[in-house]
Amino acid sequence: MKLSLLIRFCAFAFLLIGSFFLFFSGYPILGATIHFVTLSLWLWGTLRPSSKLFGKIITDNPSPEVLLTFDDGPDPIHTPQVLRILKKHQIQAIFFLIGEKSEQYPDLVQQIYADGHIIGNHTWSHPAKTFWISSPWKTFAEISKTQRILKHLTGVSPLYFRAPVGHSHLFTHPILAHFKMKLMAWNCRGFDTQTSDADLIWKRLKPKINPQAIILLHDTRATSPELTSKIIQFARREKFQFPSL
């Protein structure tokens, strides 16, 4: 992992420095082209949630099961509603929790864990607009502080991390390796943070649900209980399996 990261970093540094050298050494078109391509690759690796340019990432459930994942919690209103639905159907999910909210609602974190669900790390403050350009020190702080509070509340260190908005970067993987965590994205989402129209979200979700789907929902949204129920009902009709509690 460390060698692979070093090779990637050196390659990007070499291309960027080389592009400047060529630009100011009488080859401006070639230098500008290399610079543009290098930055485009960097942005693609950073801003595309499923990109494996900087390291491994889980984008499909390796087990033949529909995996429900919930981001941005815990939420005092909607998380308990989702938990009741999951408990009724005996389905296990992954909750990617924000550290600040976990500190604010420790009982909810403990309830999620006691109910048999997996808890993931979703950074301390959820810096959605800036995480993709965060320094190694800022990235480490966001992840490590959340690891500490979640282990304190549950006794277990999370094994999965999801970046805010899915935007990881060059320094994310080595930090996750330090904590023995894996990066998880998704392959099925309905953009439930962009609208409160449950029917519209469901129309976006339904065609993508398959036996290896990793579904992204947000248990901070009023639509999450209804959508959770719809997903379960649809998947059961299609004979798809879920991880069980």
Protein backbone atom coordinates (compact mmCIF):
# COMPACT_ATOMS: atom_id res chain seq x y z
CA MET A 1 0.00 0.00 0.00
CA LYS A 2 2.73 2.49 1.01
CA LEU A 3 4.87 1.65 -2.04
CA SER A 4 1.86 1.90 -4.34
CA LEU A 5 0.93 5.28 -2.88
CA LEU A 6 4.51 6.53 -3.20
CA ILE A 7 4.62 5.49 -6.85
CA ARG A 8 1.33 7.28 -7.58
CA PHE A 9 2.42 10.42 -5.74
CA CYS A 10 5.79 10.51 -7.47
CA ALA A 11 4.14 9.99 -10.86
CA PHE A 12 1.76 12.92 -10.34
CA ALA A 13 4.56 15.13 -8.97
CA PHE A 14 6.84 14.23 -11.90
CA LEU A 15 4.13 15.01 -14.47
CA LEU A 16 3.18 18.32 -12.84
CA ILE A 17 6.77 19.51 -12.45
CA GLY A 18 7.64 18.24 -15.91
CA SER A 19 4.70 20.08 -17.45
CA PHE A 20 5.94 23.39 -15.97
CA PHE A 21 9.48 22.67 -17.18
CA LEU A 22 8.27 21.97 -20.71
CA PHE A 23 5.97 25.02 -20.71
CA PHE A 24 8.80 27.40 -19.83
CA SER A 25 11.43 25.63 -21.95
CA GLY A 26 9.97 26.37 -25.33
CA TYR A 27 7.30 23.67 -25.46
CA PRO A 28 4.21 25.49 -24.14
CA ILE A 29 1.61 23.40 -25.96
CA LEU A 30 3.12 20.08 -24.84
CA GLY A 31 3.59 21.37 -21.29
CA ALA A 32 0.05 22.71 -21.08
CA THR A 33 -1.35 19.46 -22.48
CA ILE A 34 0.47 17.29 -19.95
CA HIS A 35 -0.54 19.66 -17.15
CA PHE A 36 -4.20 19.56 -18.20
CA VAL A 37 -4.25 15.75 -18.51
CA THR A 38 -2.53 15.31 -15.12
CA LEU A 39 -4.95 17.63 -13.32
CA SER A 40 -7.89 15.96 -15.07
CA LEU A 41 -6.74 12.56 -13.83
CA TRP A 42 -6.27 13.94 -10.32
CA LEU A 43 -9.77 15.40 -10.30
CA TRP A 44 -11.28 12.24 -11.76
CA GLY A 45 -9.64 10.14 -9.05
CA THR A 46 -10.83 12.55 -6.36
CA LEU A 47 -14.34 13.56 -7.38
CA ARG A 48 -15.61 10.26 -8.82
CA PRO A 49 -16.78 8.13 -5.84
CA SER A 50 -16.12 4.83 -7.63
CA SER A 51 -12.64 5.77 -8.91
CA LYS A 52 -9.86 3.35 -7.92
CA LEU A 53 -7.07 5.59 -9.17
CA PHE A 54 -5.72 6.20 -5.66
CA GLY A 55 -6.47 2.77 -4.20
CA LYS A 56 -9.01 0.03 -3.66
CA ILE A 57 -12.63 0.89 -3.00
CA ILE A 58 -15.69 -1.28 -2.44
CA THR A 59 -18.29 -0.41 -5.08
CA ASP A 60 -20.22 -3.70 -5.25
CA ASN A 61 -21.26 -5.98 -2.45
CA PRO A 62 -18.94 -9.02 -2.70
CA SER A 63 -21.73 -11.15 -1.22
CA PRO A 64 -24.86 -11.81 -3.31
CA GLU A 65 -26.95 -9.58 -1.07
CA VAL A 66 -28.56 -6.16 -1.17
CA LEU A 67 -26.66 -3.96 1.26
CA LEU A 68 -28.43 -0.98 2.79
CA THR A 69 -26.15 1.84 3.91
CA PHE A 70 -27.15 5.05 5.69
CA ASP A 71 -25.03 8.20 5.80
CA ASP A 72 -24.86 11.35 7.94
CA GLY A 73 -26.49 10.04 11.13
CA PRO A 74 -27.29 9.50 13.82
CA ASP A 75 -30.50 11.50 13.65
CA PRO A 76 -32.81 11.66 16.69
CA ILE A 77 -35.98 11.53 14.59
CA HIS A 78 -35.39 9.37 11.55
CA THR A 79 -32.67 6.93 12.69
CA PRO A 80 -34.98 5.27 15.26
CA GLN A 81 -37.68 4.93 12.59
CA VAL A 82 -35.26 3.21 10.22
CA LEU A 83 -34.00 0.96 13.02
CA ARG A 84 -37.53 -0.21 13.81
CA ILE A 85 -38.11 -1.13 10.16
CA LEU A 86 -34.83 -3.03 9.93
CA LYS A 87 -35.51 -4.85 13.19
CA LYS A 88 -38.99 -5.83 12.00
CA HIS A 89 -37.52 -7.43 8.87
CA GLN A 90 -34.35 -8.70 10.62
CA ILE A 91 -32.08 -6.93 8.13
CA GLN A 92 -28.58 -5.73 8.90
CA ALA A 93 -27.33 -2.42 7.49
CA ILE A 94 -24.24 -0.23 7.69
CA PHE A 95 -24.60 3.19 9.31
CA PHE A 96 -21.83 5.64 8.36
CA LEU A 97 -21.89 8.00 11.31
CA ILE A 98 -20.57 11.53 11.72
CA GLY A 99 -18.37 11.97 14.78
CA GLU A 100 -19.91 15.24 15.99
CA LYS A 101 -23.42 13.78 15.84
CA SER A 102 -22.27 10.58 17.53
CA GLU A 103 -20.93 12.64 20.42
CA GLN A 104 -24.24 14.51 20.56
CA TYR A 105 -26.42 11.37 20.43
CA PRO A 106 -24.39 8.59 22.08
CA ASP A 107 -27.48 6.56 22.99
CA LEU A 108 -28.43 6.29 19.32
CA VAL A 109 -24.98 5.06 18.37
CA GLN A 110 -25.20 2.41 21.06
CA GLN A 111 -28.69 1.43 19.93
CA ILE A 112 -27.51 1.00 16.33
CA TYR A 113 -24.70 -1.25 17.52
CA ALA A 114 -26.88 -3.15 20.02
CA ASP A 115 -29.40 -3.87 17.27
CA GLY A 116 -26.68 -5.73 15.37
CA HIS A 117 -25.80 -3.24 12.66
CA ILE A 118 -22.36 -2.33 11.36
CA ILE A 119 -21.07 1.14 12.17
CA GLY A 120 -18.84 2.97 9.71
CA ASN A 121 -16.76 6.15 9.93
CA HIS A 122 -18.06 9.18 7.99
CA THR A 123 -15.59 11.81 9.31
CA TRP A 124 -15.96 14.04 12.34
CA SER A 125 -17.57 17.15 10.83
CA HIS A 126 -18.60 16.00 7.34
CA PRO A 127 -16.70 18.72 5.42
CA ALA A 128 -18.55 18.00 2.18
CA LYS A 129 -17.17 20.98 0.28
CA THR A 130 -13.54 20.72 1.35
CA PHE A 131 -12.68 17.10 2.20
CA TRP A 132 -11.50 16.42 -1.35
CA ILE A 133 -8.76 19.05 -0.97
CA SER A 134 -8.00 18.38 2.71
CA SER A 135 -4.40 18.13 3.82
CA PRO A 136 -3.09 14.81 5.19
CA TRP A 137 -3.25 16.26 8.71
CA LYS A 138 -6.84 17.45 8.38
CA THR A 139 -7.87 14.14 6.84
CA PHE A 140 -6.19 12.19 9.64
CA ALA A 141 -7.89 14.33 12.29
CA GLU A 142 -11.35 13.91 10.74
CA ILE A 143 -10.98 10.12 10.60
CA SER A 144 -9.06 9.47 13.83
CA LYS A 145 -11.32 11.57 16.05
CA THR A 146 -14.37 9.74 14.74
CA GLN A 147 -12.69 6.37 15.27
CA ARG A 148 -12.05 7.27 18.90
CA ILE A 149 -15.60 8.34 19.72
CA LEU A 150 -17.18 5.35 17.96
CA LYS A 151 -14.86 2.89 19.68
CA HIS A 152 -15.54 4.61 23.00
CA LEU A 153 -19.30 4.24 22.52
CA THR A 154 -19.37 0.69 21.12
CA GLY A 155 -16.10 -0.90 22.14
CA VAL A 156 -15.36 -1.69 18.48
CA SER A 157 -13.34 0.25 15.91
CA PRO A 158 -15.14 0.74 12.58
CA LEU A 159 -13.76 -1.26 9.66
CA TYR A 160 -15.35 0.83 6.90
CA PHE A 161 -15.03 4.47 5.90
CA ARG A 162 -17.07 6.55 3.50
CA ALA A 163 -15.83 9.97 2.43
CA PRO A 164 -18.20 12.95 2.49
CA VAL A 165 -20.01 13.00 -0.86
CA GLY A 166 -17.76 10.09 -1.82
CA HIS A 167 -14.85 12.44 -2.56
CA SER A 168 -11.69 10.74 -1.32
CA HIS A 169 -8.19 11.80 -2.35
CA LEU A 170 -4.56 10.72 -2.57
CA PHE A 171 -4.01 10.73 1.21
CA THR A 172 -7.21 8.90 2.18
CA HIS A 173 -6.04 5.34 1.53
CA PRO A 174 -2.79 5.39 3.56
CA ILE A 175 -4.66 6.87 6.51
CA LEU A 176 -7.33 4.19 6.23
CA ALA A 177 -4.60 1.56 6.03
CA HIS A 178 -3.21 2.91 9.31
CA PHE A 179 -6.58 2.26 10.95
CA LYS A 180 -7.07 -1.06 9.09
CA MET A 181 -10.20 0.31 7.37
CA LYS A 182 -11.62 -0.15 3.90
CA LEU A 183 -13.14 2.57 1.73
CA MET A 184 -16.74 1.91 0.68
CA ALA A 185 -18.72 3.73 -1.99
CA TRP A 186 -22.05 2.64 -3.51
CA ASN A 187 -23.58 1.59 -6.81
CA CYS A 188 -27.20 2.54 -6.17
CA ARG A 189 -28.51 5.92 -5.04
CA GLY A 190 -31.58 8.06 -5.54
CA PHE A 191 -30.05 11.45 -4.59
CA ASP A 192 -32.30 11.66 -1.55
CA THR A 193 -30.52 14.74 -0.22
CA GLN A 194 -31.54 16.75 -3.27
CA THR A 195 -35.30 16.30 -3.07
CA SER A 196 -38.01 15.38 -0.56
CA ASP A 197 -40.10 13.69 -3.25
CA ALA A 198 -40.02 10.04 -2.18
CA ASP A 199 -41.63 8.86 -5.42
CA LEU A 200 -38.93 10.55 -7.52
CA ILE A 201 -36.17 9.08 -5.36
CA TRP A 202 -37.76 5.64 -5.65
CA LYS A 203 -37.89 5.91 -9.46
CA ARG A 204 -34.18 6.60 -9.46
CA LEU A 205 -33.38 3.76 -7.06
CA LYS A 206 -35.55 0.93 -8.35
CA PRO A 207 -33.79 0.18 -11.68
CA LYS A 208 -30.41 -0.08 -9.93
CA ILE A 209 -31.39 -2.54 -7.20
CA ASN A 210 -29.73 -5.89 -7.83
CA PRO A 211 -28.29 -8.78 -5.79
CA GLN A 212 -24.97 -6.95 -5.32
CA ALA A 213 -26.34 -3.46 -4.77
CA ILE A 214 -24.82 -1.15 -2.20
CA ILE A 215 -27.64 1.30 -1.66
CA LEU A 216 -26.95 4.81 -0.37
CA LEU A 217 -29.63 6.47 1.78
CA HIS A 218 -29.48 9.17 4.43
CA ASP A 219 -31.20 8.54 7.75
CA THR A 220 -31.27 12.29 8.29
CA ARG A 221 -34.03 12.61 5.69
CA ALA A 222 -37.77 12.27 6.30
CA THR A 223 -37.98 10.04 3.23
CA SER A 224 -35.59 7.40 4.61
CA PRO A 225 -38.16 5.23 6.49
CA GLU A 226 -40.53 5.07 3.51
CA LEU A 227 -37.72 4.33 1.07
CA THR A 228 -36.25 1.67 3.34
CA SER A 229 -39.61 -0.10 3.41
CA LYS A 230 -40.03 0.15 -0.35
CA ILE A 231 -36.57 -1.24 -1.01
CA ILE A 232 -37.16 -4.18 1.30
CA GLN A 233 -40.55 -4.98 -0.20
CA PHE A 234 -39.24 -4.77 -3.77
CA ALA A 235 -36.12 -6.83 -3.07
CA ARG A 236 -38.11 -9.53 -1.29
CA ARG A 237 -40.50 -9.78 -4.24
CA GLU A 238 -37.50 -10.18 -6.53
CA LYS A 239 -36.10 -12.90 -4.20
CA PHE A 240 -33.04 -10.81 -3.40
CA GLN A 241 -31.32 -11.48 -0.09
CA PHE A 242 -30.18 -9.06 2.64
CA PRO A 243 -27.57 -9.52 5.39
CA SER A 244 -29.51 -10.68 8.44
CA LEU A 245 -29.34 -9.58 12.05
